[in-house]
Amino acid sequence: MSAVGSFEALESELGYHFHDAALLLKSLTHSSHAHEKRTGEDNEQLEFLGDAVLGFVVSDFLCRAYPDFSEGQLSKLKGFFVSAANLVKYAEQLNLGSYLHLGKGEEKTGGRAKQALLVDAFEAILGAMYIDGGLDVPRQLIARFVGTQIAEIGGATSQVMDFKTALQEVLQKRGLGPCRYVLAGEEGPSHQKLFTVEVELNGAIVASGMGLTKRAAEQAAAQQALEDLQQHD
């Protein structure tokens, strides 16, 4: 079985048309396929470059989004964003498994769904995009994925302001009753965990937030709930 997706479809998903189509092909070629075909053209070098591009761009985004965060806090967030467990979600959204060029052995053992292969291909594509179009090209793709997640994380203000109390006061004034904070998820290794908390009001989820601690995630969720309430005033 060969890759089933067309490059045109993938380029549409990426939002970028390659000037050098060979770069895109190389980014999707696993070493097992290159060895079988004896071409020597696999995606390992591009993956190495893409990993560096990803690390720089994510670091840049985080420094701009959280100018008051310490190096330790920024490192913890970066560790989450560049982790394989997070990157595989991006690869799956792009359906990269359909485009991989694999050797027969990898094909038979389900290589199209393997996390390591998908993450390597995603990073290799970033490297290929950088070579083909410069830094702004992969930056736009990374922003599409990471930007949404960053927006859900409690910023510096949520670390010092008590949005939970403010939310409760607003709910009481409007006669909406108390809300509950529900831990919806924990992602990343123990030293780089990112928590997701949802605000539940009258049995319905009304907002969610992410944070480096459960408390920060609760504050971020409360802040989002407050903003949503204010928009509907």
C-alpha atoms as a PDB file:
ATOM      1  CA  MET A   1       0.000   0.000   0.000  1.00  0.00           C
ATOM      2  CA  SER A   2       1.404   3.382  -0.941  1.00  0.00           C
ATOM      3  CA  ALA A   3       0.588   6.819   0.409  1.00  0.00           C
ATOM      4  CA  VAL A   4      -3.019   7.578  -0.451  1.00  0.00           C
ATOM      5  CA  GLY A   5      -3.116  11.360  -0.134  1.00  0.00           C
ATOM      6  CA  SER A   6      -2.227  13.749  -2.942  1.00  0.00           C
ATOM      7  CA  PHE A   7       0.313  16.491  -2.387  1.00  0.00           C
ATOM      8  CA  GLU A   8      -2.236  19.036  -3.599  1.00  0.00           C
ATOM      9  CA  ALA A   9      -4.596  18.054  -0.793  1.00  0.00           C
ATOM     10  CA  LEU A  10      -1.833  18.238   1.803  1.00  0.00           C
ATOM     11  CA  GLU A  11      -0.615  21.606   0.544  1.00  0.00           C
ATOM     12  CA  SER A  12      -4.173  22.845   0.887  1.00  0.00           C
ATOM     13  CA  GLU A  13      -4.200  21.661   4.507  1.00  0.00           C
ATOM     14  CA  LEU A  14      -0.827  23.281   5.124  1.00  0.00           C
ATOM     15  CA  GLY A  15      -1.927  26.520   3.501  1.00  0.00           C
ATOM     16  CA  TYR A  16       1.276  26.584   1.474  1.00  0.00           C
ATOM     17  CA  HIS A  17       2.335  25.549  -2.038  1.00  0.00           C
ATOM     18  CA  PHE A  18       5.904  24.291  -2.312  1.00  0.00           C
ATOM     19  CA  HIS A  19       8.130  25.772  -4.987  1.00  0.00           C
ATOM     20  CA  ASP A  20      10.253  22.627  -4.758  1.00  0.00           C
ATOM     21  CA  ALA A  21       7.909  19.634  -4.585  1.00  0.00           C
ATOM     22  CA  ALA A  22      10.887  17.357  -3.959  1.00  0.00           C
ATOM     23  CA  LEU A  23      11.273  18.897  -0.505  1.00  0.00           C
ATOM     24  CA  LEU A  24       7.729  17.955   0.458  1.00  0.00           C
ATOM     25  CA  LEU A  25       8.254  14.421  -0.851  1.00  0.00           C
ATOM     26  CA  LYS A  26      11.473  14.092   1.127  1.00  0.00           C
ATOM     27  CA  SER A  27       9.777  15.311   4.315  1.00  0.00           C
ATOM     28  CA  LEU A  28       7.265  12.471   4.018  1.00  0.00           C
ATOM     29  CA  THR A  29       9.758   9.727   3.177  1.00  0.00           C
ATOM     30  CA  HIS A  30      10.652   7.421   6.054  1.00  0.00           C
ATOM     31  CA  SER A  31      14.104   5.845   6.153  1.00  0.00           C
ATOM     32  CA  SER A  32      12.566   2.382   5.653  1.00  0.00           C
ATOM     33  CA  HIS A  33      11.268   3.458   2.229  1.00  0.00           C
ATOM     34  CA  ALA A  34      14.530   5.171   1.297  1.00  0.00           C
ATOM     35  CA  HIS A  35      16.499   2.034   2.176  1.00  0.00           C
ATOM     36  CA  GLU A  36      14.224  -0.181   0.124  1.00  0.00           C
ATOM     37  CA  LYS A  37      14.437   2.107  -2.885  1.00  0.00           C
ATOM     38  CA  ARG A  38      18.151   2.762  -2.220  1.00  0.00           C
ATOM     39  CA  THR A  39      17.680   6.469  -2.766  1.00  0.00           C
ATOM     40  CA  GLY A  40      19.162   7.715   0.495  1.00  0.00           C
ATOM     41  CA  GLU A  41      16.509  10.447   0.475  1.00  0.00           C
ATOM     42  CA  ASP A  42      14.681  10.263   3.802  1.00  0.00           C
ATOM     43  CA  ASN A  43      13.246  12.896   6.143  1.00  0.00           C
ATOM     44  CA  GLU A  44      15.684  12.595   9.045  1.00  0.00           C
ATOM     45  CA  GLN A  45      17.744  15.702   8.253  1.00  0.00           C
ATOM     46  CA  LEU A  46      14.630  17.773   7.618  1.00  0.00           C
ATOM     47  CA  GLU A  47      13.177  16.512  10.906  1.00  0.00           C
ATOM     48  CA  PHE A  48      16.338  17.698  12.688  1.00  0.00           C
ATOM     49  CA  LEU A  49      15.965  21.155  11.129  1.00  0.00           C
ATOM     50  CA  GLY A  50      12.219  21.305  11.735  1.00  0.00           C
ATOM     51  CA  ASP A  51      12.713  20.482  15.404  1.00  0.00           C
ATOM     52  CA  ALA A  52      14.973  23.539  15.723  1.00  0.00           C
ATOM     53  CA  VAL A  53      12.508  25.753  13.830  1.00  0.00           C
ATOM     54  CA  LEU A  54       9.657  24.564  16.058  1.00  0.00           C
ATOM     55  CA  GLY A  55      11.614  25.198  19.244  1.00  0.00           C
ATOM     56  CA  PHE A  56      12.553  28.723  18.201  1.00  0.00           C
ATOM     57  CA  VAL A  57       9.091  29.729  17.007  1.00  0.00           C
ATOM     58  CA  VAL A  58       7.338  28.327  20.084  1.00  0.00           C
ATOM     59  CA  SER A  59       9.857  30.082  22.350  1.00  0.00           C
ATOM     60  CA  ASP A  60       9.223  33.339  20.489  1.00  0.00           C
ATOM     61  CA  PHE A  61       5.447  32.962  20.813  1.00  0.00           C
ATOM     62  CA  LEU A  62       5.680  32.221  24.531  1.00  0.00           C
ATOM     63  CA  CYS A  63       8.010  35.135  25.305  1.00  0.00           C
ATOM     64  CA  ARG A  64       5.650  37.509  23.510  1.00  0.00           C
ATOM     65  CA  ALA A  65       2.521  36.070  25.129  1.00  0.00           C
ATOM     66  CA  TYR A  66       3.932  35.890  28.665  1.00  0.00           C
ATOM     67  CA  PRO A  67       6.567  38.620  29.146  1.00  0.00           C
ATOM     68  CA  ASP A  68       6.283  38.323  32.940  1.00  0.00           C
ATOM     69  CA  PHE A  69       6.791  34.559  33.149  1.00  0.00           C
ATOM     70  CA  SER A  70      10.037  33.193  34.567  1.00  0.00           C
ATOM     71  CA  GLU A  71      12.435  31.086  32.517  1.00  0.00           C
ATOM     72  CA  GLY A  72      11.241  28.035  34.418  1.00  0.00           C
ATOM     73  CA  GLN A  73       7.595  28.706  33.580  1.00  0.00           C
ATOM     74  CA  LEU A  74       8.410  29.324  29.927  1.00  0.00           C
ATOM     75  CA  SER A  75      10.487  26.150  29.750  1.00  0.00           C
ATOM     76  CA  LYS A  76       7.633  24.155  31.226  1.00  0.00           C
ATOM     77  CA  LEU A  77       5.192  25.502  28.655  1.00  0.00           C
ATOM     78  CA  LYS A  78       7.623  24.981  25.796  1.00  0.00           C
ATOM     79  CA  GLY A  79       8.204  21.408  26.933  1.00  0.00           C
ATOM     80  CA  PHE A  80       4.487  20.762  26.639  1.00  0.00           C
ATOM     81  CA  PHE A  81       4.066  22.387  23.227  1.00  0.00           C
ATOM     82  CA  VAL A  82       6.984  20.558  21.593  1.00  0.00           C
ATOM     83  CA  SER A  83       6.263  17.211  23.255  1.00  0.00           C
ATOM     84  CA  ALA A  84       5.472  14.222  21.051  1.00  0.00           C
ATOM     85  CA  ALA A  85       2.117  13.795  22.794  1.00  0.00           C
ATOM     86  CA  ASN A  86       1.122  17.294  21.696  1.00  0.00           C
ATOM     87  CA  LEU A  87       2.707  17.311  18.234  1.00  0.00           C
ATOM     88  CA  VAL A  88       1.006  14.066  17.227  1.00  0.00           C
ATOM     89  CA  LYS A  89      -2.324  15.890  17.529  1.00  0.00           C
ATOM     90  CA  TYR A  90      -1.166  18.397  14.916  1.00  0.00           C
ATOM     91  CA  ALA A  91       0.013  15.587  12.646  1.00  0.00           C
ATOM     92  CA  GLU A  92      -3.317  13.793  12.981  1.00  0.00           C
ATOM     93  CA  GLN A  93      -5.249  16.965  12.165  1.00  0.00           C
ATOM     94  CA  LEU A  94      -3.228  17.190   8.946  1.00  0.00           C
ATOM     95  CA  ASN A  95      -3.836  13.478   8.338  1.00  0.00           C
ATOM     96  CA  LEU A  96      -0.119  12.990   7.729  1.00  0.00           C
ATOM     97  CA  GLY A  97      -0.395   9.228   8.026  1.00  0.00           C
ATOM     98  CA  SER A  98      -2.061   9.155   4.613  1.00  0.00           C
ATOM     99  CA  TYR A  99       0.906  10.845   2.963  1.00  0.00           C
ATOM    100  CA  LEU A 100       3.842   8.906   4.401  1.00  0.00           C
ATOM    101  CA  HIS A 101       6.115   6.910   2.117  1.00  0.00           C
ATOM    102  CA  LEU A 102       7.004   3.804   4.117  1.00  0.00           C
ATOM    103  CA  GLY A 103       8.906   0.594   3.592  1.00  0.00           C
ATOM    104  CA  LYS A 104       6.972  -2.661   3.449  1.00  0.00           C
ATOM    105  CA  GLY A 105       7.883  -3.570   7.008  1.00  0.00           C
ATOM    106  CA  GLU A 106       6.653  -0.299   8.474  1.00  0.00           C
ATOM    107  CA  GLU A 107       3.540  -0.508   6.326  1.00  0.00           C
ATOM    108  CA  LYS A 108       2.662  -3.950   7.668  1.00  0.00           C
ATOM    109  CA  THR A 109       3.203  -2.933  11.296  1.00  0.00           C
ATOM    110  CA  GLY A 110       0.868   0.081  11.148  1.00  0.00           C
ATOM    111  CA  GLY A 111       3.475   2.759  10.560  1.00  0.00           C
ATOM    112  CA  ARG A 112       0.901   5.272   9.343  1.00  0.00           C
ATOM    113  CA  ALA A 113      -0.536   5.474  12.857  1.00  0.00           C
ATOM    114  CA  LYS A 114       2.726   5.378  14.836  1.00  0.00           C
ATOM    115  CA  GLN A 115       3.222   8.466  16.973  1.00  0.00           C
ATOM    116  CA  ALA A 116       6.984   8.654  16.385  1.00  0.00           C
ATOM    117  CA  LEU A 117       6.633   8.562  12.590  1.00  0.00           C
ATOM    118  CA  LEU A 118       3.850  11.148  12.562  1.00  0.00           C
ATOM    119  CA  VAL A 119       5.757  13.543  14.813  1.00  0.00           C
ATOM    120  CA  ASP A 120       8.950  13.146  12.770  1.00  0.00           C
ATOM    121  CA  ALA A 121       7.014  13.854   9.574  1.00  0.00           C
ATOM    122  CA  PHE A 122       5.404  16.964  11.072  1.00  0.00           C
ATOM    123  CA  GLU A 123       8.777  18.350  12.123  1.00  0.00           C
ATOM    124  CA  ALA A 124      10.278  17.388   8.749  1.00  0.00           C
ATOM    125  CA  ILE A 125       7.546  19.341   6.978  1.00  0.00           C
ATOM    126  CA  LEU A 126       8.400  22.382   9.095  1.00  0.00           C
ATOM    127  CA  GLY A 127      12.019  22.005   8.029  1.00  0.00           C
ATOM    128  CA  ALA A 128      11.022  21.668   4.385  1.00  0.00           C
ATOM    129  CA  MET A 129       8.779  24.721   4.602  1.00  0.00           C
ATOM    130  CA  TYR A 130      11.618  26.719   6.126  1.00  0.00           C
ATOM    131  CA  ILE A 131      14.023  25.801   3.319  1.00  0.00           C
ATOM    132  CA  ASP A 132      11.410  26.383   0.633  1.00  0.00           C
ATOM    133  CA  GLY A 133       9.924  29.661   1.853  1.00  0.00           C
ATOM    134  CA  GLY A 134      11.772  31.043   4.868  1.00  0.00           C
ATOM    135  CA  LEU A 135      10.852  31.245   8.543  1.00  0.00           C
ATOM    136  CA  ASP A 136       7.486  32.986   8.152  1.00  0.00           C
ATOM    137  CA  VAL A 137       6.052  29.973   6.310  1.00  0.00           C
ATOM    138  CA  PRO A 138       6.406  27.384   9.118  1.00  0.00           C
ATOM    139  CA  ARG A 139       5.690  30.140  11.656  1.00  0.00           C
ATOM    140  CA  GLN A 140       2.196  30.558  10.203  1.00  0.00           C
ATOM    141  CA  LEU A 141       1.498  26.835  10.417  1.00  0.00           C
ATOM    142  CA  ILE A 142       2.796  26.600  13.977  1.00  0.00           C
ATOM    143  CA  ALA A 143       0.744  29.650  14.947  1.00  0.00           C
ATOM    144  CA  ARG A 144      -2.387  27.938  13.638  1.00  0.00           C
ATOM    145  CA  PHE A 145      -1.964  25.100  16.087  1.00  0.00           C
ATOM    146  CA  VAL A 146      -0.090  26.614  19.009  1.00  0.00           C
ATOM    147  CA  GLY A 147      -1.883  29.956  18.924  1.00  0.00           C
ATOM    148  CA  THR A 148      -5.191  28.390  19.886  1.00  0.00           C
ATOM    149  CA  GLN A 149      -3.637  26.531  22.799  1.00  0.00           C
ATOM    150  CA  ILE A 150      -1.751  29.589  24.040  1.00  0.00           C
ATOM    151  CA  ALA A 151      -5.005  31.556  24.073  1.00  0.00           C
ATOM    152  CA  GLU A 152      -6.460  28.994  26.488  1.00  0.00           C
ATOM    153  CA  ILE A 153      -3.622  29.276  29.003  1.00  0.00           C
ATOM    154  CA  GLY A 154      -3.816  31.659  31.914  1.00  0.00           C
ATOM    155  CA  GLY A 155      -1.515  34.616  31.295  1.00  0.00           C
ATOM    156  CA  ALA A 156       0.368  36.700  33.809  1.00  0.00           C
ATOM    157  CA  THR A 157      -2.789  38.480  34.997  1.00  0.00           C
ATOM    158  CA  SER A 158      -4.500  35.199  35.854  1.00  0.00           C
ATOM    159  CA  GLN A 159      -1.575  34.344  38.102  1.00  0.00           C
ATOM    160  CA  VAL A 160      -2.241  37.355  40.346  1.00  0.00           C
ATOM    161  CA  MET A 161      -5.921  38.247  39.907  1.00  0.00           C
ATOM    162  CA  ASP A 162      -8.707  36.290  41.575  1.00  0.00           C
ATOM    163  CA  PHE A 163     -11.015  35.683  38.631  1.00  0.00           C
ATOM    164  CA  LYS A 164     -12.774  32.886  40.525  1.00  0.00           C
ATOM    165  CA  THR A 165     -14.048  35.306  43.157  1.00  0.00           C
ATOM    166  CA  ALA A 166     -14.991  37.858  40.508  1.00  0.00           C
ATOM    167  CA  LEU A 167     -16.913  35.223  38.577  1.00  0.00           C
ATOM    168  CA  GLN A 168     -18.782  34.048  41.651  1.00  0.00           C
ATOM    169  CA  GLU A 169     -19.808  37.617  42.465  1.00  0.00           C
ATOM    170  CA  VAL A 170     -21.161  38.145  38.949  1.00  0.00           C
ATOM    171  CA  LEU A 171     -23.057  34.859  39.045  1.00  0.00           C
ATOM    172  CA  GLN A 172     -24.624  35.744  42.396  1.00  0.00           C
ATOM    173  CA  LYS A 173     -25.701  39.177  41.155  1.00  0.00           C
ATOM    174  CA  ARG A 174     -27.395  37.561  38.172  1.00  0.00           C
ATOM    175  CA  GLY A 175     -28.991  34.831  40.254  1.00  0.00           C
ATOM    176  CA  LEU A 176     -27.238  32.103  38.280  1.00  0.00           C
ATOM    177  CA  GLY A 177     -26.083  30.101  41.272  1.00  0.00           C
ATOM    178  CA  PRO A 178     -22.637  28.687  42.094  1.00  0.00           C
ATOM    179  CA  CYS A 179     -20.335  27.106  39.547  1.00  0.00           C
ATOM    180  CA  ARG A 180     -18.041  24.083  39.767  1.00  0.00           C
ATOM    181  CA  TYR A 181     -14.447  23.656  38.555  1.00  0.00           C
ATOM    182  CA  VAL A 182     -13.819  20.276  36.997  1.00  0.00           C
ATOM    183  CA  LEU A 183     -10.357  18.958  36.151  1.00  0.00           C
ATOM    184  CA  ALA A 184     -10.778  17.859  32.532  1.00  0.00           C
ATOM    185  CA  GLY A 185      -7.260  16.757  31.736  1.00  0.00           C
ATOM    186  CA  GLU A 186      -3.565  16.567  32.586  1.00  0.00           C
ATOM    187  CA  GLU A 187      -1.044  16.445  29.759  1.00  0.00           C
ATOM    188  CA  GLY A 188       2.710  16.000  29.654  1.00  0.00           C
ATOM    189  CA  PRO A 189       5.252  14.327  31.958  1.00  0.00           C
ATOM    190  CA  SER A 190       5.177  15.002  35.689  1.00  0.00           C
ATOM    191  CA  HIS A 191       7.660  17.904  35.511  1.00  0.00           C
ATOM    192  CA  GLN A 192       5.913  19.504  32.524  1.00  0.00           C
ATOM    193  CA  LYS A 193       2.228  18.982  33.212  1.00  0.00           C
ATOM    194  CA  LEU A 194      -0.352  21.304  31.742  1.00  0.00           C
ATOM    195  CA  PHE A 195      -3.783  21.196  33.355  1.00  0.00           C
ATOM    196  CA  THR A 196      -7.176  21.769  31.740  1.00  0.00           C
ATOM    197  CA  VAL A 197     -10.104  22.854  33.916  1.00  0.00           C
ATOM    198  CA  GLU A 198     -13.716  23.404  32.877  1.00  0.00           C
ATOM    199  CA  VAL A 199     -16.269  25.682  34.506  1.00  0.00           C
ATOM    200  CA  GLU A 200     -19.584  23.933  35.008  1.00  0.00           C
ATOM    201  CA  LEU A 201     -22.742  25.961  35.624  1.00  0.00           C
ATOM    202  CA  ASN A 202     -26.112  24.292  36.153  1.00  0.00           C
ATOM    203  CA  GLY A 203     -24.796  21.071  34.661  1.00  0.00           C
ATOM    204  CA  ALA A 204     -23.356  22.700  31.508  1.00  0.00           C
ATOM    205  CA  ILE A 205     -19.744  23.441  30.590  1.00  0.00           C
ATOM    206  CA  VAL A 206     -19.511  27.200  30.004  1.00  0.00           C
ATOM    207  CA  ALA A 207     -15.755  27.768  29.743  1.00  0.00           C
ATOM    208  CA  SER A 208     -12.381  26.081  29.979  1.00  0.00           C
ATOM    209  CA  GLY A 209      -8.809  27.101  30.712  1.00  0.00           C
ATOM    210  CA  MET A 210      -5.298  25.705  30.808  1.00  0.00           C
ATOM    211  CA  GLY A 211      -2.469  26.380  33.218  1.00  0.00           C
ATOM    212  CA  LEU A 212       0.834  25.217  34.640  1.00  0.00           C
ATOM    213  CA  THR A 213      -0.976  24.368  37.896  1.00  0.00           C
ATOM    214  CA  LYS A 214      -4.562  23.381  38.676  1.00  0.00           C
ATOM    215  CA  ARG A 215      -5.098  26.737  40.378  1.00  0.00           C
ATOM    216  CA  ALA A 216      -3.827  28.653  37.344  1.00  0.00           C
ATOM    217  CA  ALA A 217      -6.075  26.584  35.081  1.00  0.00           C
ATOM    218  CA  GLU A 218      -9.071  27.362  37.305  1.00  0.00           C
ATOM    219  CA  GLN A 219      -8.255  31.070  37.171  1.00  0.00           C
ATOM    220  CA  ALA A 220      -7.888  30.935  33.374  1.00  0.00           C
ATOM    221  CA  ALA A 221     -11.222  29.147  33.064  1.00  0.00           C
ATOM    222  CA  ALA A 222     -12.901  31.675  35.356  1.00  0.00           C
ATOM    223  CA  GLN A 223     -11.417  34.532  33.309  1.00  0.00           C
ATOM    224  CA  GLN A 224     -12.803  33.016  30.112  1.00  0.00           C
ATOM    225  CA  ALA A 225     -16.235  32.562  31.711  1.00  0.00           C
ATOM    226  CA  LEU A 226     -16.240  36.196  32.832  1.00  0.00           C
ATOM    227  CA  GLU A 227     -15.312  37.417  29.363  1.00  0.00           C
ATOM    228  CA  ASP A 228     -18.075  35.320  27.815  1.00  0.00           C
ATOM    229  CA  LEU A 229     -20.636  36.703  30.262  1.00  0.00           C
ATOM    230  CA  GLN A 230     -19.548  40.266  29.507  1.00  0.00           C
ATOM    231  CA  GLN A 231     -19.873  39.668  25.753  1.00  0.00           C
ATOM    232  CA  HIS A 232     -23.490  38.673  26.256  1.00  0.00           C
ATOM    233  CA  ASP A 233     -24.368  41.735  28.334  1.00  0.00           C
END
